[in-house]
PDB file of N, CA and C in Angstrom:
ATOM      1  N   MET A   1      13.491 -27.629   0.119  1.00  0.00           N
ATOM      2  CA  MET A   1      13.674 -26.386  -0.598  1.00  0.00           C
ATOM      3  C   MET A   1      12.588 -25.402  -0.173  1.00  0.00           C
ATOM      4  N   ILE A   2      12.925 -24.147  -0.073  1.00  0.00           N
ATOM      5  CA  ILE A   2      11.987 -23.113   0.348  1.00  0.00           C
ATOM      6  C   ILE A   2      11.338 -22.488  -0.884  1.00  0.00           C
ATOM      7  N   TYR A   3      10.019 -22.450  -0.865  1.00  0.00           N
ATOM      8  CA  TYR A   3       9.251 -21.919  -1.989  1.00  0.00           C
ATOM      9  C   TYR A   3       8.392 -20.731  -1.578  1.00  0.00           C
ATOM     10  N   SER A   4       8.841 -19.940  -0.611  1.00  0.00           N
ATOM     11  CA  SER A   4       8.010 -18.827  -0.145  1.00  0.00           C
ATOM     12  C   SER A   4       7.799 -17.774  -1.226  1.00  0.00           C
ATOM     13  N   PHE A   5       8.833 -17.465  -2.016  1.00  0.00           N
ATOM     14  CA  PHE A   5       8.664 -16.463  -3.067  1.00  0.00           C
ATOM     15  C   PHE A   5       7.708 -16.959  -4.153  1.00  0.00           C
ATOM     16  N   PRO A   6       7.901 -18.176  -4.704  1.00  0.00           N
ATOM     17  CA  PRO A   6       6.917 -18.661  -5.679  1.00  0.00           C
ATOM     18  C   PRO A   6       5.511 -18.769  -5.080  1.00  0.00           C
ATOM     19  N   ALA A   7       5.409 -19.167  -3.817  1.00  0.00           N
ATOM     20  CA  ALA A   7       4.088 -19.266  -3.177  1.00  0.00           C
ATOM     21  C   ALA A   7       3.405 -17.904  -3.159  1.00  0.00           C
ATOM     22  N   GLU A   8       4.163 -16.864  -2.823  1.00  0.00           N
ATOM     23  CA  GLU A   8       3.602 -15.506  -2.801  1.00  0.00           C
ATOM     24  C   GLU A   8       3.170 -15.071  -4.200  1.00  0.00           C
ATOM     25  N   LYS A   9       4.032 -15.283  -5.189  1.00  0.00           N
ATOM     26  CA  LYS A   9       3.738 -14.833  -6.554  1.00  0.00           C
ATOM     27  C   LYS A   9       2.559 -15.591  -7.157  1.00  0.00           C
ATOM     28  N   PHE A  10       2.475 -16.885  -6.920  1.00  0.00           N
ATOM     29  CA  PHE A  10       1.354 -17.657  -7.461  1.00  0.00           C
ATOM     30  C   PHE A  10       0.054 -17.342  -6.725  1.00  0.00           C
ATOM     31  N   SER A  11       0.144 -16.956  -5.465  1.00  0.00           N
ATOM     32  CA  SER A  11      -1.047 -16.510  -4.740  1.00  0.00           C
ATOM     33  C   SER A  11      -1.577 -15.210  -5.346  1.00  0.00           C
ATOM     34  N   ILE A  12      -0.679 -14.287  -5.660  1.00  0.00           N
ATOM     35  CA  ILE A  12      -1.073 -13.034  -6.312  1.00  0.00           C
ATOM     36  C   ILE A  12      -1.675 -13.329  -7.682  1.00  0.00           C
ATOM     37  N   ALA A  13      -1.049 -14.253  -8.413  1.00  0.00           N
ATOM     38  CA  ALA A  13      -1.551 -14.626  -9.747  1.00  0.00           C
ATOM     39  C   ALA A  13      -2.955 -15.204  -9.650  1.00  0.00           C
ATOM     40  N   ARG A  14      -3.169 -16.063  -8.680  1.00  0.00           N
ATOM     41  CA  ARG A  14      -4.493 -16.673  -8.509  1.00  0.00           C
ATOM     42  C   ARG A  14      -5.540 -15.603  -8.207  1.00  0.00           C
ATOM     43  N   ARG A  15      -5.204 -14.655  -7.341  1.00  0.00           N
ATOM     44  CA  ARG A  15      -6.144 -13.567  -7.031  1.00  0.00           C
ATOM     45  C   ARG A  15      -6.449 -12.729  -8.270  1.00  0.00           C
ATOM     46  N   ALA A  16      -5.448 -12.512  -9.117  1.00  0.00           N
ATOM     47  CA  ALA A  16      -5.660 -11.716 -10.336  1.00  0.00           C
ATOM     48  C   ALA A  16      -6.655 -12.382 -11.273  1.00  0.00           C
ATOM     49  N   LEU A  17      -6.711 -13.707 -11.233  1.00  0.00           N
ATOM     50  CA  LEU A  17      -7.596 -14.441 -12.137  1.00  0.00           C
ATOM     51  C   LEU A  17      -9.029 -14.557 -11.620  1.00  0.00           C
ATOM     52  N   MET A  18      -9.253 -14.178 -10.373  1.00  0.00           N
ATOM     53  CA  MET A  18     -10.603 -14.262  -9.804  1.00  0.00           C
ATOM     54  C   MET A  18     -11.467 -13.107 -10.303  1.00  0.00           C
ATOM     55  N   LEU A  19     -12.753 -13.386 -10.457  1.00  0.00           N
ATOM     56  CA  LEU A  19     -13.699 -12.350 -10.869  1.00  0.00           C
ATOM     57  C   LEU A  19     -13.903 -11.368  -9.736  1.00  0.00           C
ATOM     58  N   PRO A  20     -14.255 -10.147  -9.999  1.00  0.00           N
ATOM     59  CA  PRO A  20     -14.371  -9.519 -11.316  1.00  0.00           C
ATOM     60  C   PRO A  20     -13.000  -9.096 -11.836  1.00  0.00           C
ATOM     61  N   HIS A  21     -12.953  -8.774 -13.103  1.00  0.00           N
ATOM     62  CA  HIS A  21     -11.732  -8.294 -13.754  1.00  0.00           C
ATOM     63  C   HIS A  21     -11.928  -6.808 -14.068  1.00  0.00           C
ATOM     64  N   PRO A  22     -11.582  -5.914 -13.133  1.00  0.00           N
ATOM     65  CA  PRO A  22     -11.877  -4.492 -13.316  1.00  0.00           C
ATOM     66  C   PRO A  22     -11.255  -3.879 -14.571  1.00  0.00           C
ATOM     67  N   ASP A  23     -10.093  -4.374 -14.973  1.00  0.00           N
ATOM     68  CA  ASP A  23      -9.422  -3.833 -16.163  1.00  0.00           C
ATOM     69  C   ASP A  23      -9.577  -4.742 -17.371  1.00  0.00           C
ATOM     70  N   GLY A  24     -10.438  -5.732 -17.276  1.00  0.00           N
ATOM     71  CA  GLY A  24     -10.657  -6.672 -18.364  1.00  0.00           C
ATOM     72  C   GLY A  24      -9.920  -7.978 -18.134  1.00  0.00           C
ATOM     73  N   GLN A  25     -10.433  -9.024 -18.747  1.00  0.00           N
ATOM     74  CA  GLN A  25      -9.868 -10.359 -18.550  1.00  0.00           C
ATOM     75  C   GLN A  25      -8.437 -10.465 -19.063  1.00  0.00           C
ATOM     76  N   HIS A  26      -8.144  -9.822 -20.189  1.00  0.00           N
ATOM     77  CA  HIS A  26      -6.789  -9.913 -20.736  1.00  0.00           C
ATOM     78  C   HIS A  26      -5.765  -9.264 -19.807  1.00  0.00           C
ATOM     79  N   ALA A  27      -6.136  -8.137 -19.210  1.00  0.00           N
ATOM     80  CA  ALA A  27      -5.242  -7.474 -18.261  1.00  0.00           C
ATOM     81  C   ALA A  27      -5.019  -8.354 -17.032  1.00  0.00           C
ATOM     82  N   SER A  28      -6.068  -9.024 -16.577  1.00  0.00           N
ATOM     83  CA  SER A  28      -5.940  -9.927 -15.428  1.00  0.00           C
ATOM     84  C   SER A  28      -5.033 -11.105 -15.758  1.00  0.00           C
ATOM     85  N   LEU A  29      -5.199 -11.652 -16.957  1.00  0.00           N
ATOM     86  CA  LEU A  29      -4.326 -12.745 -17.395  1.00  0.00           C
ATOM     87  C   LEU A  29      -2.877 -12.290 -17.456  1.00  0.00           C
ATOM     88  N   GLU A  30      -2.664 -11.107 -18.007  1.00  0.00           N
ATOM     89  CA  GLU A  30      -1.298 -10.596 -18.123  1.00  0.00           C
ATOM     90  C   GLU A  30      -0.677 -10.386 -16.745  1.00  0.00           C
ATOM     91  N   THR A  31      -1.441  -9.832 -15.820  1.00  0.00           N
ATOM     92  CA  THR A  31      -0.955  -9.651 -14.452  1.00  0.00           C
ATOM     93  C   THR A  31      -0.609 -10.994 -13.824  1.00  0.00           C
ATOM     94  N   ALA A  32      -1.501 -11.955 -13.975  1.00  0.00           N
ATOM     95  CA  ALA A  32      -1.282 -13.284 -13.392  1.00  0.00           C
ATOM     96  C   ALA A  32      -0.027 -13.938 -13.958  1.00  0.00           C
ATOM     97  N   LEU A  33       0.130 -13.891 -15.265  1.00  0.00           N
ATOM     98  CA  LEU A  33       1.283 -14.551 -15.871  1.00  0.00           C
ATOM     99  C   LEU A  33       2.584 -13.813 -15.573  1.00  0.00           C
ATOM    100  N   THR A  34       2.516 -12.510 -15.397  1.00  0.00           N
ATOM    101  CA  THR A  34       3.704 -11.760 -14.978  1.00  0.00           C
ATOM    102  C   THR A  34       4.140 -12.223 -13.595  1.00  0.00           C
ATOM    103  N   GLU A  35       3.184 -12.380 -12.693  1.00  0.00           N
ATOM    104  CA  GLU A  35       3.499 -12.863 -11.343  1.00  0.00           C
ATOM    105  C   GLU A  35       4.070 -14.282 -11.390  1.00  0.00           C
ATOM    106  N   CYS A  36       3.497 -15.128 -12.244  1.00  0.00           N
ATOM    107  CA  CYS A  36       4.005 -16.496 -12.383  1.00  0.00           C
ATOM    108  C   CYS A  36       5.442 -16.488 -12.892  1.00  0.00           C
ATOM    109  N   ARG A  37       5.690 -15.667 -13.889  1.00  0.00           N
ATOM    110  CA  ARG A  37       7.046 -15.583 -14.439  1.00  0.00           C
ATOM    111  C   ARG A  37       8.026 -15.148 -13.358  1.00  0.00           C
ATOM    112  N   LEU A  38       7.650 -14.172 -12.546  1.00  0.00           N
ATOM    113  CA  LEU A  38       8.513 -13.737 -11.446  1.00  0.00           C
ATOM    114  C   LEU A  38       8.735 -14.872 -10.448  1.00  0.00           C
ATOM    115  N   GLY A  39       7.675 -15.596 -10.142  1.00  0.00           N
ATOM    116  CA  GLY A  39       7.778 -16.695  -9.188  1.00  0.00           C
ATOM    117  C   GLY A  39       8.645 -17.843  -9.668  1.00  0.00           C
ATOM    118  N   LEU A  40       8.712 -18.019 -10.974  1.00  0.00           N
ATOM    119  CA  LEU A  40       9.492 -19.122 -11.543  1.00  0.00           C
ATOM    120  C   LEU A  40      10.925 -18.726 -11.891  1.00  0.00           C
ATOM    121  N   HIS A  41      11.198 -17.429 -11.880  1.00  0.00           N
ATOM    122  CA  HIS A  41      12.517 -16.935 -12.277  1.00  0.00           C
ATOM    123  C   HIS A  41      13.614 -17.542 -11.407  1.00  0.00           C
ATOM    124  N   ARG A  42      14.577 -18.122 -12.049  1.00  0.00           N
ATOM    125  CA  ARG A  42      15.767 -18.694 -11.404  1.00  0.00           C
ATOM    126  C   ARG A  42      15.456 -19.840 -10.442  1.00  0.00           C
ATOM    127  N   MET A  43      14.311 -20.458 -10.603  1.00  0.00           N
ATOM    128  CA  MET A  43      13.959 -21.585  -9.745  1.00  0.00           C
ATOM    129  C   MET A  43      14.687 -22.842 -10.213  1.00  0.00           C
ATOM    130  N   ASN A  44      15.304 -23.535  -9.274  1.00  0.00           N
ATOM    131  CA  ASN A  44      15.911 -24.826  -9.572  1.00  0.00           C
ATOM    132  C   ASN A  44      14.790 -25.863  -9.573  1.00  0.00           C
ATOM    133  N   ARG A  45      14.489 -26.363 -10.744  1.00  0.00           N
ATOM    134  CA  ARG A  45      13.356 -27.286 -10.880  1.00  0.00           C
ATOM    135  C   ARG A  45      13.760 -28.749 -10.763  1.00  0.00           C
ATOM    136  N   ALA A  46      15.038 -28.994 -10.625  1.00  0.00           N
ATOM    137  CA  ALA A  46      15.537 -30.366 -10.605  1.00  0.00           C
ATOM    138  C   ALA A  46      14.920 -31.193  -9.480  1.00  0.00           C
ATOM    139  N   LYS A  47      14.601 -30.567  -8.356  1.00  0.00           N
ATOM    140  CA  LYS A  47      14.069 -31.311  -7.210  1.00  0.00           C
ATOM    141  C   LYS A  47      12.548 -31.412  -7.207  1.00  0.00           C
ATOM    142  N   LEU A  48      11.912 -30.787  -8.189  1.00  0.00           N
ATOM    143  CA  LEU A  48      10.454 -30.880  -8.294  1.00  0.00           C
ATOM    144  C   LEU A  48      10.078 -32.195  -8.959  1.00  0.00           C
ATOM    145  N   ASP A  49       8.924 -32.743  -8.580  1.00  0.00           N
ATOM    146  CA  ASP A  49       8.517 -33.990  -9.224  1.00  0.00           C
ATOM    147  C   ASP A  49       8.070 -33.716 -10.661  1.00  0.00           C
ATOM    148  N   ALA A  50       7.982 -34.772 -11.425  1.00  0.00           N
ATOM    149  CA  ALA A  50       7.705 -34.664 -12.861  1.00  0.00           C
ATOM    150  C   ALA A  50       6.363 -33.999 -13.154  1.00  0.00           C
ATOM    151  N   THR A  51       5.368 -34.242 -12.319  1.00  0.00           N
ATOM    152  CA  THR A  51       4.048 -33.645 -12.540  1.00  0.00           C
ATOM    153  C   THR A  51       4.112 -32.127 -12.417  1.00  0.00           C
ATOM    154  N   ILE A  52       4.780 -31.641 -11.389  1.00  0.00           N
ATOM    155  CA  ILE A  52       4.903 -30.195 -11.182  1.00  0.00           C
ATOM    156  C   ILE A  52       5.728 -29.580 -12.305  1.00  0.00           C
ATOM    157  N   ARG A  53       6.826 -30.224 -12.679  1.00  0.00           N
ATOM    158  CA  ARG A  53       7.639 -29.709 -13.795  1.00  0.00           C
ATOM    159  C   ARG A  53       6.824 -29.651 -15.073  1.00  0.00           C
ATOM    160  N   SER A  54       5.983 -30.638 -15.303  1.00  0.00           N
ATOM    161  CA  SER A  54       5.129 -30.659 -16.492  1.00  0.00           C
ATOM    162  C   SER A  54       4.118 -29.512 -16.458  1.00  0.00           C
ATOM    163  N   GLN A  55       3.537 -29.259 -15.301  1.00  0.00           N
ATOM    164  CA  GLN A  55       2.585 -28.151 -15.170  1.00  0.00           C
ATOM    165  C   GLN A  55       3.274 -26.808 -15.418  1.00  0.00           C
ATOM    166  N   ILE A  56       4.474 -26.662 -14.893  1.00  0.00           N
ATOM    167  CA  ILE A  56       5.233 -25.426 -15.117  1.00  0.00           C
ATOM    168  C   ILE A  56       5.535 -25.263 -16.604  1.00  0.00           C
ATOM    169  N   TYR A  57       5.962 -26.336 -17.248  1.00  0.00           N
ATOM    170  CA  TYR A  57       6.263 -26.277 -18.679  1.00  0.00           C
ATOM    171  C   TYR A  57       5.022 -25.869 -19.479  1.00  0.00           C
ATOM    172  N   THR A  58       3.888 -26.460 -19.166  1.00  0.00           N
ATOM    173  CA  THR A  58       2.643 -26.128 -19.871  1.00  0.00           C
ATOM    174  C   THR A  58       2.290 -24.660 -19.674  1.00  0.00           C
ATOM    175  N   LEU A  59       2.419 -24.175 -18.449  1.00  0.00           N
ATOM    176  CA  LEU A  59       2.140 -22.766 -18.174  1.00  0.00           C
ATOM    177  C   LEU A  59       3.104 -21.869 -18.950  1.00  0.00           C
ATOM    178  N   GLU A  60       4.371 -22.246 -18.977  1.00  0.00           N
ATOM    179  CA  GLU A  60       5.353 -21.442 -19.709  1.00  0.00           C
ATOM    180  C   GLU A  60       5.079 -21.437 -21.211  1.00  0.00           C
ATOM    181  N   CYS A  61       4.506 -22.490 -21.730  1.00  0.00           N
ATOM    182  CA  CYS A  61       4.121 -22.508 -23.147  1.00  0.00           C
ATOM    183  C   CYS A  61       3.053 -21.448 -23.417  1.00  0.00           C
ATOM    184  N   PHE A  62       2.130 -21.260 -22.477  1.00  0.00           N
ATOM    185  CA  PHE A  62       1.125 -20.202 -22.618  1.00  0.00           C
ATOM    186  C   PHE A  62       1.769 -18.818 -22.537  1.00  0.00           C
ATOM    187  N   MET A  63       2.883 -18.708 -21.821  1.00  0.00           N
ATOM    188  CA  MET A  63       3.567 -17.426 -21.669  1.00  0.00           C
ATOM    189  C   MET A  63       4.441 -17.081 -22.870  1.00  0.00           C
ATOM    190  N   ASP A  64       4.724 -18.045 -23.706  1.00  0.00           N
ATOM    191  CA  ASP A  64       5.613 -17.827 -24.845  1.00  0.00           C
ATOM    192  C   ASP A  64       4.928 -16.957 -25.898  1.00  0.00           C
ATOM    193  N   SER A  65       5.549 -15.843 -26.223  1.00  0.00           N
ATOM    194  CA  SER A  65       4.978 -14.938 -27.226  1.00  0.00           C
ATOM    195  C   SER A  65       5.777 -14.949 -28.525  1.00  0.00           C
ATOM    196  N   THR A  66       6.614 -15.958 -28.706  1.00  0.00           N
ATOM    197  CA  THR A  66       7.390 -16.082 -29.931  1.00  0.00           C
ATOM    198  C   THR A  66       6.453 -16.148 -31.130  1.00  0.00           C
ATOM    199  N   GLY A  67       6.741 -15.344 -32.133  1.00  0.00           N
ATOM    200  CA  GLY A  67       5.927 -15.344 -33.337  1.00  0.00           C
ATOM    201  C   GLY A  67       4.798 -14.333 -33.322  1.00  0.00           C
ATOM    202  N   PHE A  68       4.597 -13.676 -32.187  1.00  0.00           N
ATOM    203  CA  PHE A  68       3.575 -12.634 -32.090  1.00  0.00           C
ATOM    204  C   PHE A  68       4.290 -11.290 -32.144  1.00  0.00           C
ATOM    205  N   SER A  69       3.807 -10.395 -32.978  1.00  0.00           N
ATOM    206  CA  SER A  69       4.464  -9.097 -33.106  1.00  0.00           C
ATOM    207  C   SER A  69       3.597  -7.991 -32.522  1.00  0.00           C
ATOM    208  N   ASP A  70       4.277  -6.930 -32.106  1.00  0.00           N
ATOM    209  CA  ASP A  70       3.580  -5.780 -31.537  1.00  0.00           C
ATOM    210  C   ASP A  70       2.656  -5.160 -32.575  1.00  0.00           C
ATOM    211  N   ALA A  71       1.491  -4.755 -32.131  1.00  0.00           N
ATOM    212  CA  ALA A  71       0.546  -4.075 -33.017  1.00  0.00           C
ATOM    213  C   ALA A  71      -0.271  -3.091 -32.201  1.00  0.00           C
ATOM    214  N   ASP A  72      -0.475  -1.939 -32.735  1.00  0.00           N
ATOM    215  CA  ASP A  72      -1.304  -0.917 -32.086  1.00  0.00           C
ATOM    216  C   ASP A  72      -0.850  -0.596 -30.667  1.00  0.00           C
ATOM    217  N   GLY A  73       0.447  -0.701 -30.412  1.00  0.00           N
ATOM    218  CA  GLY A  73       0.966  -0.379 -29.091  1.00  0.00           C
ATOM    219  C   GLY A  73       0.831  -1.487 -28.071  1.00  0.00           C
ATOM    220  N   ASP A  74       0.213  -2.603 -28.445  1.00  0.00           N
ATOM    221  CA  ASP A  74       0.093  -3.741 -27.535  1.00  0.00           C
ATOM    222  C   ASP A  74       1.375  -4.557 -27.570  1.00  0.00           C
ATOM    223  N   SER A  75       1.740  -5.123 -26.437  1.00  0.00           N
ATOM    224  CA  SER A  75       2.905  -5.993 -26.395  1.00  0.00           C
ATOM    225  C   SER A  75       2.587  -7.311 -27.088  1.00  0.00           C
ATOM    226  N   ALA A  76       3.631  -8.013 -27.498  1.00  0.00           N
ATOM    227  CA  ALA A  76       3.438  -9.323 -28.127  1.00  0.00           C
ATOM    228  C   ALA A  76       2.706 -10.259 -27.174  1.00  0.00           C
ATOM    229  N   TRP A  77       2.994 -10.126 -25.896  1.00  0.00           N
ATOM    230  CA  TRP A  77       2.342 -10.971 -24.901  1.00  0.00           C
ATOM    231  C   TRP A  77       0.850 -10.669 -24.832  1.00  0.00           C
ATOM    232  N   THR A  78       0.475  -9.396 -24.887  1.00  0.00           N
ATOM    233  CA  THR A  78      -0.938  -9.009 -24.869  1.00  0.00           C
ATOM    234  C   THR A  78      -1.658  -9.585 -26.078  1.00  0.00           C
ATOM    235  N   ILE A  79      -1.028  -9.493 -27.228  1.00  0.00           N
ATOM    236  CA  ILE A  79      -1.623 -10.045 -28.450  1.00  0.00           C
ATOM    237  C   ILE A  79      -1.811 -11.547 -28.302  1.00  0.00           C
ATOM    238  N   ARG A  80      -0.815 -12.223 -27.758  1.00  0.00           N
ATOM    239  CA  ARG A  80      -0.891 -13.671 -27.532  1.00  0.00           C
ATOM    240  C   ARG A  80      -2.077 -14.006 -26.626  1.00  0.00           C
ATOM    241  N   LEU A  81      -2.214 -13.271 -25.538  1.00  0.00           N
ATOM    242  CA  LEU A  81      -3.273 -13.556 -24.568  1.00  0.00           C
ATOM    243  C   LEU A  81      -4.656 -13.275 -25.129  1.00  0.00           C
ATOM    244  N   LYS A  82      -4.779 -12.251 -25.952  1.00  0.00           N
ATOM    245  CA  LYS A  82      -6.079 -11.931 -26.550  1.00  0.00           C
ATOM    246  C   LYS A  82      -6.547 -13.025 -27.505  1.00  0.00           C
ATOM    247  N   GLY A  83      -5.605 -13.809 -28.027  1.00  0.00           N
ATOM    248  CA  GLY A  83      -5.954 -14.872 -28.959  1.00  0.00           C
ATOM    249  C   GLY A  83      -6.281 -16.203 -28.308  1.00  0.00           C
ATOM    250  N   LEU A  84      -6.223 -16.271 -26.985  1.00  0.00           N
ATOM    251  CA  LEU A  84      -6.500 -17.532 -26.291  1.00  0.00           C
ATOM    252  C   LEU A  84      -7.987 -17.862 -26.316  1.00  0.00           C
ATOM    253  N   SER A  85      -8.269 -19.141 -26.428  1.00  0.00           N
ATOM    254  CA  SER A  85      -9.663 -19.597 -26.352  1.00  0.00           C
ATOM    255  C   SER A  85     -10.097 -19.638 -24.885  1.00  0.00           C
ATOM    256  N   ASP A  86     -11.391 -19.760 -24.665  1.00  0.00           N
ATOM    257  CA  ASP A  86     -11.902 -19.888 -23.295  1.00  0.00           C
ATOM    258  C   ASP A  86     -11.335 -21.132 -22.624  1.00  0.00           C
ATOM    259  N   GLU A  87     -11.177 -22.197 -23.394  1.00  0.00           N
ATOM    260  CA  GLU A  87     -10.609 -23.435 -22.854  1.00  0.00           C
ATOM    261  C   GLU A  87      -9.163 -23.209 -22.404  1.00  0.00           C
ATOM    262  N   GLU A  88      -8.387 -22.479 -23.199  1.00  0.00           N
ATOM    263  CA  GLU A  88      -6.995 -22.196 -22.828  1.00  0.00           C
ATOM    264  C   GLU A  88      -6.932 -21.306 -21.586  1.00  0.00           C
ATOM    265  N   LYS A  89      -7.816 -20.330 -21.494  1.00  0.00           N
ATOM    266  CA  LYS A  89      -7.856 -19.465 -20.314  1.00  0.00           C
ATOM    267  C   LYS A  89      -8.209 -20.275 -19.067  1.00  0.00           C
ATOM    268  N   SER A  90      -9.124 -21.210 -19.206  1.00  0.00           N
ATOM    269  CA  SER A  90      -9.480 -22.089 -18.085  1.00  0.00           C
ATOM    270  C   SER A  90      -8.301 -22.959 -17.682  1.00  0.00           C
ATOM    271  N   GLU A  91      -7.558 -23.428 -18.666  1.00  0.00           N
ATOM    272  CA  GLU A  91      -6.378 -24.251 -18.386  1.00  0.00           C
ATOM    273  C   GLU A  91      -5.324 -23.436 -17.636  1.00  0.00           C
ATOM    274  N   ILE A  92      -5.123 -22.198 -18.034  1.00  0.00           N
ATOM    275  CA  ILE A  92      -4.178 -21.333 -17.326  1.00  0.00           C
ATOM    276  C   ILE A  92      -4.624 -21.160 -15.878  1.00  0.00           C
ATOM    277  N   SER A  93      -5.889 -20.889 -15.670  1.00  0.00           N
ATOM    278  CA  SER A  93      -6.415 -20.721 -14.306  1.00  0.00           C
ATOM    279  C   SER A  93      -6.217 -21.981 -13.477  1.00  0.00           C
ATOM    280  N   ARG A  94      -6.475 -23.124 -14.080  1.00  0.00           N
ATOM    281  CA  ARG A  94      -6.297 -24.396 -13.374  1.00  0.00           C
ATOM    282  C   ARG A  94      -4.832 -24.601 -12.995  1.00  0.00           C
ATOM    283  N   LEU A  95      -3.927 -24.349 -13.939  1.00  0.00           N
ATOM    284  CA  LEU A  95      -2.500 -24.521 -13.674  1.00  0.00           C
ATOM    285  C   LEU A  95      -2.019 -23.575 -12.579  1.00  0.00           C
ATOM    286  N   VAL A  96      -2.429 -22.321 -12.659  1.00  0.00           N
ATOM    287  CA  VAL A  96      -2.030 -21.345 -11.643  1.00  0.00           C
ATOM    288  C   VAL A  96      -2.541 -21.783 -10.274  1.00  0.00           C
ATOM    289  N   ASP A  97      -3.781 -22.230 -10.206  1.00  0.00           N
ATOM    290  CA  ASP A  97      -4.359 -22.671  -8.941  1.00  0.00           C
ATOM    291  C   ASP A  97      -3.605 -23.871  -8.377  1.00  0.00           C
ATOM    292  N   GLU A  98      -3.348 -24.861  -9.210  1.00  0.00           N
ATOM    293  CA  GLU A  98      -2.653 -26.063  -8.737  1.00  0.00           C
ATOM    294  C   GLU A  98      -1.224 -25.752  -8.305  1.00  0.00           C
ATOM    295  N   LEU A  99      -0.536 -24.911  -9.062  1.00  0.00           N
ATOM    296  CA  LEU A  99       0.833 -24.561  -8.686  1.00  0.00           C
ATOM    297  C   LEU A  99       0.847 -23.681  -7.435  1.00  0.00           C
ATOM    298  N   ALA A 100      -0.127 -22.787  -7.299  1.00  0.00           N
ATOM    299  CA  ALA A 100      -0.228 -21.974  -6.080  1.00  0.00           C
ATOM    300  C   ALA A 100      -0.431 -22.883  -4.868  1.00  0.00           C
ATOM    301  N   ASN A 101      -1.296 -23.870  -5.006  1.00  0.00           N
ATOM    302  CA  ASN A 101      -1.524 -24.822  -3.916  1.00  0.00           C
ATOM    303  C   ASN A 101      -0.261 -25.606  -3.599  1.00  0.00           C
ATOM    304  N   PHE A 102       0.448 -26.039  -4.630  1.00  0.00           N
ATOM    305  CA  PHE A 102       1.673 -26.806  -4.415  1.00  0.00           C
ATOM    306  C   PHE A 102       2.702 -25.976  -3.651  1.00  0.00           C
ATOM    307  N   PHE A 103       2.999 -24.775  -4.150  1.00  0.00           N
ATOM    308  CA  PHE A 103       4.027 -23.957  -3.498  1.00  0.00           C
ATOM    309  C   PHE A 103       3.622 -23.587  -2.073  1.00  0.00           C
ATOM    310  N   ALA A 104       2.339 -23.306  -1.857  1.00  0.00           N
ATOM    311  CA  ALA A 104       1.863 -22.992  -0.504  1.00  0.00           C
ATOM    312  C   ALA A 104       2.016 -24.200   0.418  1.00  0.00           C
ATOM    313  N   SER A 105       1.770 -25.393  -0.105  1.00  0.00           N
ATOM    314  CA  SER A 105       1.874 -26.605   0.719  1.00  0.00           C
ATOM    315  C   SER A 105       3.310 -26.899   1.124  1.00  0.00           C
ATOM    316  N   GLN A 106       4.260 -26.416   0.355  1.00  0.00           N
ATOM    317  CA  GLN A 106       5.668 -26.646   0.669  1.00  0.00           C
ATOM    318  C   GLN A 106       6.149 -25.740   1.795  1.00  0.00           C
ATOM    319  N   GLU A 107       5.363 -24.725   2.100  1.00  0.00           N
ATOM    320  CA  GLU A 107       5.708 -23.790   3.170  1.00  0.00           C
ATOM    321  C   GLU A 107       5.193 -24.244   4.528  1.00  0.00           C
ATOM    322  N   ALA A 108       4.267 -25.195   4.516  1.00  0.00           N
ATOM    323  CA  ALA A 108       3.645 -25.637   5.774  1.00  0.00           C
ATOM    324  C   ALA A 108       4.584 -26.476   6.605  1.00  0.00           C
TER     325      ALA A 108
END
């Protein structure tokens, strides 16, 4: 299976998470997760191994903004991201990095 589009999107996401964060850490997280969502859109995951599917599921759980409502003009997703702990932000970075490496390795 060809993963060039997810590889590109996860590479962009990984770069967004690297320091410095000119527009703030929350904006960088939002950019990264937007790229991840684009990279995962319409992906057939049936042929991925269980570990990769689990990592994708965990990342998508961080992207879920169900139960968060708009406030002060911020999107529900922005509100969700602002409430993440440092540990959760580190986990997102780790997942993005590992998935970026996986998709890039499938292109070699």
